Amino acid sequence: MIKFLQFVLIFILVYYLLKIIFKYLIKRFINRLNNTVNNQNNNYNNKTKKEGEISVDYIPDDDKNRKGENDFGEYIDFEDIKE
C-alpha cells in the first residue's frame, strides 16, 4: 500500500512539474514566433516605396542569350490576289 501511495504522489508531482515546464516552453515558443512575424512585417513595411519612386526587381537577360525565341523560320510576305 505504501508503494502505491508513493507511485501516486510521484505521478502527481511529475504531472504538475511537466505542466509548468510545458506552459513555460509554449509561452516562449509563441513569443519567439510573434517576434519573428513582427520583424518580417517591419522589414516589409520598410521596403514599401514612396509615391513616385521606381524600383526594378527583375532585369531580363540579353536578347543574344535567349534560346528558341527566333526559331520559327523565315517570314514570307504574301500578296493578296484579287480575281
N, C-alpha and C. Protein backbone atom coordinates (compact mmCIF):
# COMPACT_ATOMS: atom_id res chain seq x y z
N MET A 1 0.83 -1.20 0.00
CA MET A 1 0.00 0.00 0.00
C MET A 1 0.87 1.25 0.00
N ILE A 2 1.97 1.22 0.69
CA ILE A 2 2.87 2.37 0.76
C ILE A 2 3.49 2.63 -0.62
N LYS A 3 3.86 1.59 -1.32
CA LYS A 3 4.44 1.73 -2.65
C LYS A 3 3.44 2.37 -3.61
N PHE A 4 2.19 2.00 -3.48
CA PHE A 4 1.15 2.57 -4.33
C PHE A 4 0.99 4.06 -4.08
N LEU A 5 0.98 4.46 -2.82
CA LEU A 5 0.87 5.88 -2.47
C LEU A 5 2.08 6.67 -2.97
N GLN A 6 3.27 6.08 -2.85
CA GLN A 6 4.47 6.72 -3.37
C GLN A 6 4.35 6.93 -4.89
N PHE A 7 3.88 5.90 -5.55
CA PHE A 7 3.70 5.98 -7.00
C PHE A 7 2.73 7.09 -7.36
N VAL A 8 1.60 7.16 -6.69
CA VAL A 8 0.58 8.18 -6.97
C VAL A 8 1.14 9.57 -6.69
N LEU A 9 1.82 9.75 -5.58
CA LEU A 9 2.38 11.06 -5.25
C LEU A 9 3.45 11.47 -6.27
N ILE A 10 4.30 10.55 -6.65
CA ILE A 10 5.34 10.85 -7.65
C ILE A 10 4.69 11.18 -8.99
N PHE A 11 3.67 10.44 -9.35
CA PHE A 11 2.96 10.69 -10.60
C PHE A 11 2.34 12.08 -10.61
N ILE A 12 1.69 12.45 -9.52
CA ILE A 12 1.07 13.78 -9.42
C ILE A 12 2.13 14.87 -9.46
N LEU A 13 3.23 14.67 -8.76
CA LEU A 13 4.32 15.64 -8.76
C LEU A 13 4.90 15.82 -10.17
N VAL A 14 5.15 14.73 -10.84
CA VAL A 14 5.70 14.78 -12.20
C VAL A 14 4.69 15.46 -13.13
N TYR A 15 3.42 15.16 -12.99
CA TYR A 15 2.39 15.77 -13.81
C TYR A 15 2.40 17.29 -13.68
N TYR A 16 2.43 17.80 -12.47
CA TYR A 16 2.43 19.25 -12.26
C TYR A 16 3.73 19.89 -12.72
N LEU A 17 4.84 19.23 -12.51
CA LEU A 17 6.11 19.77 -12.99
C LEU A 17 6.13 19.87 -14.52
N LEU A 18 5.66 18.82 -15.18
CA LEU A 18 5.61 18.86 -16.64
C LEU A 18 4.64 19.92 -17.14
N LYS A 19 3.55 20.09 -16.43
CA LYS A 19 2.57 21.10 -16.79
C LYS A 19 3.20 22.50 -16.73
N ILE A 20 3.95 22.78 -15.68
CA ILE A 20 4.61 24.08 -15.52
C ILE A 20 5.68 24.26 -16.59
N ILE A 21 6.46 23.22 -16.84
CA ILE A 21 7.54 23.31 -17.83
C ILE A 21 6.98 23.53 -19.23
N PHE A 22 5.95 22.78 -19.60
CA PHE A 22 5.37 22.94 -20.93
C PHE A 22 4.69 24.29 -21.10
N LYS A 23 4.08 24.80 -20.05
CA LYS A 23 3.46 26.11 -20.12
C LYS A 23 4.54 27.17 -20.41
N TYR A 24 5.67 27.07 -19.74
CA TYR A 24 6.78 28.00 -19.95
C TYR A 24 7.31 27.86 -21.39
N LEU A 25 7.51 26.63 -21.85
CA LEU A 25 8.06 26.41 -23.19
C LEU A 25 7.11 26.90 -24.28
N ILE A 26 5.82 26.69 -24.09
CA ILE A 26 4.85 27.14 -25.09
C ILE A 26 4.80 28.66 -25.13
N LYS A 27 4.83 29.33 -23.98
CA LYS A 27 4.86 30.79 -23.97
C LYS A 27 6.10 31.31 -24.67
N ARG A 28 7.23 30.69 -24.41
CA ARG A 28 8.48 31.12 -25.04
C ARG A 28 8.42 30.91 -26.56
N PHE A 29 7.90 29.77 -27.00
CA PHE A 29 7.78 29.49 -28.42
C PHE A 29 6.87 30.50 -29.11
N ILE A 30 5.73 30.81 -28.49
CA ILE A 30 4.78 31.76 -29.07
C ILE A 30 5.39 33.16 -29.12
N ASN A 31 6.12 33.56 -28.09
CA ASN A 31 6.76 34.87 -28.10
C ASN A 31 7.81 34.96 -29.20
N ARG A 32 8.59 33.91 -29.39
CA ARG A 32 9.59 33.90 -30.47
C ARG A 32 8.91 33.99 -31.82
N LEU A 33 7.85 33.23 -32.00
CA LEU A 33 7.11 33.25 -33.26
C LEU A 33 6.53 34.64 -33.51
N ASN A 34 5.99 35.24 -32.49
CA ASN A 34 5.42 36.58 -32.60
C ASN A 34 6.50 37.60 -32.97
N ASN A 35 7.67 37.51 -32.35
CA ASN A 35 8.77 38.42 -32.67
C ASN A 35 9.23 38.23 -34.12
N THR A 36 9.29 37.00 -34.57
CA THR A 36 9.70 36.72 -35.95
C THR A 36 8.71 37.33 -36.93
N VAL A 37 7.43 37.15 -36.68
CA VAL A 37 6.41 37.70 -37.57
C VAL A 37 6.47 39.22 -37.55
N ASN A 38 6.65 39.81 -36.39
CA ASN A 38 6.74 41.28 -36.31
C ASN A 38 7.96 41.80 -37.06
N ASN A 39 9.10 41.11 -36.96
CA ASN A 39 10.30 41.52 -37.68
C ASN A 39 10.09 41.44 -39.18
N GLN A 40 9.44 40.37 -39.64
CA GLN A 40 9.17 40.24 -41.08
C GLN A 40 8.21 41.33 -41.54
N ASN A 41 7.23 41.65 -40.72
CA ASN A 41 6.29 42.70 -41.06
C ASN A 41 6.98 44.05 -41.12
N ASN A 42 7.87 44.33 -40.17
CA ASN A 42 8.61 45.59 -40.17
C ASN A 42 9.52 45.68 -41.39
N ASN A 43 10.16 44.57 -41.75
CA ASN A 43 11.03 44.58 -42.94
C ASN A 43 10.21 44.87 -44.19
N TYR A 44 9.02 44.29 -44.28
CA TYR A 44 8.16 44.52 -45.44
C TYR A 44 7.72 45.98 -45.47
N ASN A 45 7.35 46.54 -44.32
CA ASN A 45 6.90 47.93 -44.28
C ASN A 45 8.03 48.88 -44.62
N ASN A 46 9.25 48.54 -44.25
CA ASN A 46 10.38 49.41 -44.55
C ASN A 46 10.72 49.38 -46.04
N LYS A 47 10.37 48.30 -46.73
CA LYS A 47 10.68 48.17 -48.15
C LYS A 47 9.63 48.82 -49.04
N THR A 48 8.51 49.24 -48.47
CA THR A 48 7.49 49.86 -49.31
C THR A 48 8.04 51.16 -49.87
N LYS A 49 7.73 51.42 -51.13
CA LYS A 49 8.30 52.59 -51.78
C LYS A 49 7.38 53.78 -51.65
N LYS A 50 7.99 54.94 -51.70
CA LYS A 50 7.24 56.19 -51.60
C LYS A 50 6.59 56.49 -52.94
N GLU A 51 5.65 57.40 -52.92
CA GLU A 51 4.93 57.74 -54.14
C GLU A 51 5.90 58.35 -55.16
N GLY A 52 5.86 57.84 -56.38
CA GLY A 52 6.72 58.33 -57.44
C GLY A 52 8.07 57.63 -57.52
N GLU A 53 8.38 56.77 -56.57
CA GLU A 53 9.65 56.06 -56.58
C GLU A 53 9.53 54.79 -57.41
N ILE A 54 10.55 54.51 -58.19
CA ILE A 54 10.53 53.33 -59.07
C ILE A 54 11.64 52.38 -58.64
N SER A 55 11.29 51.09 -58.58
CA SER A 55 12.30 50.09 -58.27
C SER A 55 12.15 48.93 -59.25
N VAL A 56 13.29 48.37 -59.69
CA VAL A 56 13.29 47.26 -60.63
C VAL A 56 13.78 46.03 -59.89
N ASP A 57 12.92 45.01 -59.81
CA ASP A 57 13.27 43.79 -59.10
C ASP A 57 13.83 42.72 -60.03
N TYR A 58 13.55 42.84 -61.33
CA TYR A 58 13.97 41.80 -62.27
C TYR A 58 14.52 42.47 -63.53
N ILE A 59 15.71 42.06 -63.92
CA ILE A 59 16.31 42.56 -65.16
C ILE A 59 16.44 41.36 -66.08
N PRO A 60 15.74 41.37 -67.23
CA PRO A 60 15.78 40.21 -68.13
C PRO A 60 17.16 40.06 -68.78
N ASP A 61 17.43 38.84 -69.27
CA ASP A 61 18.69 38.56 -69.95
C ASP A 61 18.75 39.29 -71.29
N ASP A 62 19.95 39.35 -71.85
CA ASP A 62 20.12 39.94 -73.18
C ASP A 62 19.40 39.10 -74.21
N ASP A 63 19.07 39.73 -75.36
CA ASP A 63 18.41 39.00 -76.44
C ASP A 63 19.31 37.93 -77.03
N LYS A 64 20.62 38.12 -76.97
CA LYS A 64 21.56 37.16 -77.54
C LYS A 64 21.53 35.83 -76.78
N ASN A 65 21.25 35.88 -75.52
CA ASN A 65 21.30 34.68 -74.68
C ASN A 65 19.99 33.89 -74.70
N ARG A 66 18.95 34.45 -75.26
CA ARG A 66 17.66 33.76 -75.26
C ARG A 66 17.67 32.67 -76.32
N LYS A 67 17.09 31.55 -75.99
CA LYS A 67 17.05 30.42 -76.91
C LYS A 67 15.61 30.14 -77.31
N GLY A 68 15.43 29.73 -78.58
CA GLY A 68 14.13 29.26 -79.02
C GLY A 68 13.13 30.34 -79.34
N GLU A 69 13.48 31.60 -79.17
CA GLU A 69 12.52 32.65 -79.41
C GLU A 69 12.41 32.96 -80.91
N ASN A 70 13.52 32.92 -81.64
CA ASN A 70 13.52 33.26 -83.07
C ASN A 70 13.70 32.02 -83.95
N ASP A 71 13.32 30.88 -83.49
CA ASP A 71 13.49 29.65 -84.25
C ASP A 71 12.24 29.27 -85.03
N PHE A 72 11.39 30.26 -85.36
CA PHE A 72 10.14 29.91 -86.01
C PHE A 72 10.26 29.93 -87.53
N GLY A 73 11.39 30.28 -88.10
CA GLY A 73 11.59 30.24 -89.55
C GLY A 73 11.56 31.62 -90.19
N GLU A 74 11.56 31.63 -91.52
CA GLU A 74 11.55 32.88 -92.27
C GLU A 74 10.14 33.45 -92.35
N TYR A 75 10.09 34.76 -92.46
CA TYR A 75 8.81 35.42 -92.67
C TYR A 75 8.65 35.67 -94.15
N ILE A 76 7.53 35.23 -94.72
CA ILE A 76 7.25 35.43 -96.13
C ILE A 76 6.03 36.32 -96.25
N ASP A 77 6.20 37.42 -96.96
CA ASP A 77 5.12 38.37 -97.12
C ASP A 77 4.30 37.94 -98.34
N PHE A 78 3.09 37.48 -98.12
CA PHE A 78 2.22 37.05 -99.20
C PHE A 78 1.41 38.22 -99.70
N GLU A 79 1.17 38.24 -100.98
CA GLU A 79 0.33 39.27 -101.56
C GLU A 79 -1.04 38.69 -101.86
N ASP A 80 -2.07 39.48 -101.61
CA ASP A 80 -3.41 39.04 -101.92
C ASP A 80 -3.64 39.18 -103.43
N ILE A 81 -4.21 38.16 -104.02
CA ILE A 81 -4.53 38.19 -105.45
C ILE A 81 -6.04 38.41 -105.59
N LYS A 82 -6.38 39.47 -106.29
CA LYS A 82 -7.80 39.75 -106.50
C LYS A 82 -8.22 39.14 -107.83
N GLU A 83 -9.29 38.42 -107.82
CA GLU A 83 -9.76 37.76 -109.03
C GLU A 83 -10.86 38.52 -109.69
